[in-house]
Protein backbone atom coordinates (compact mmCIF):
# COMPACT_ATOMS: atom_id res chain seq x y z
CA MET A 1 85.09 143.11 17.71
CA PHE A 2 83.43 140.73 20.81
CA ALA A 3 83.92 140.09 24.32
CA HIS A 4 85.68 136.89 25.92
CA HIS A 5 85.92 135.30 28.59
CA CYS A 6 89.67 133.50 28.81
CA SER A 7 89.46 130.36 30.06
CA ALA A 8 93.57 131.20 31.69
CA CYS A 9 92.87 134.43 33.30
CA GLU A 10 90.01 134.31 33.96
CA GLU A 11 89.31 137.79 32.99
CA THR A 12 86.12 139.10 30.24
CA TYR A 13 87.97 141.46 28.16
CA LEU A 14 87.26 143.17 24.53
CA ILE A 15 89.18 140.91 22.08
CA PHE A 16 90.08 142.84 18.13
CA GLU A 17 90.28 141.57 14.82
CA SER A 18 94.26 141.95 15.66
CA GLN A 19 94.01 139.90 17.51
CA LEU A 20 92.75 136.93 15.44
CA THR A 21 95.46 134.05 14.78
CA SER A 22 91.91 132.51 12.16
CA LEU A 23 89.03 132.40 11.10
CA ASP A 24 87.65 128.17 10.22
CA ASN A 25 83.84 127.80 8.60
CA THR A 26 83.20 123.84 10.11
CA ALA A 27 80.21 122.27 10.34
CA ASN A 28 79.72 123.74 14.19
CA GLY A 29 80.45 127.12 13.71
CA ILE A 30 82.49 129.91 12.21
CA GLU A 31 85.93 129.01 14.88
CA LEU A 32 88.09 132.03 15.63
CA ARG A 33 91.21 130.97 16.82
CA PHE A 34 92.71 134.73 19.06
CA THR A 35 95.09 135.52 21.29
CA CYS A 36 93.82 136.64 25.59
CA TRP A 37 95.13 140.30 26.67
CA CYS A 38 97.08 137.89 28.99
CA GLY A 39 98.46 135.84 26.35
CA ALA A 40 97.12 132.96 25.79
CA GLU A 41 95.21 130.92 22.65
CA GLN A 42 92.14 130.73 22.88
CA THR A 43 89.21 129.31 20.47
CA THR A 44 85.62 130.05 20.35
CA VAL A 45 83.10 129.18 17.66
CA SER A 46 80.13 131.61 16.90
CA GLY A 47 77.85 131.66 13.36
CA ARG A 48 74.71 130.77 13.29
CA LEU A 49 75.57 127.21 13.39
CA ALA A 50 76.63 127.63 17.32
CA ASP A 51 75.93 125.92 20.18
CA ARG A 52 73.70 128.86 21.67
CA ARG A 53 73.98 128.13 25.37
CA THR A 54 70.53 128.25 26.89
CA ALA A 55 70.57 129.95 30.37
CA ASP A 56 68.75 128.11 33.58
CA VAL A 57 65.83 128.10 34.18
CA VAL A 58 64.49 128.16 38.39
CA ALA A 59 60.84 127.58 38.24
CA ALA A 60 59.30 129.77 40.84
């Protein structure tokens, strides 16, 4: 289970194993394809090789 912000409905939902449609190891990390609760097909990349999003740092 993981949280995902859907690009179709703009909501954040918990995604369960039963919603996964595929799981592939790629050069960029583990690619998960799943169906959001709203019915939209979504993809996310996870794992050590996935690009890590960094928070913007604001100089004080």
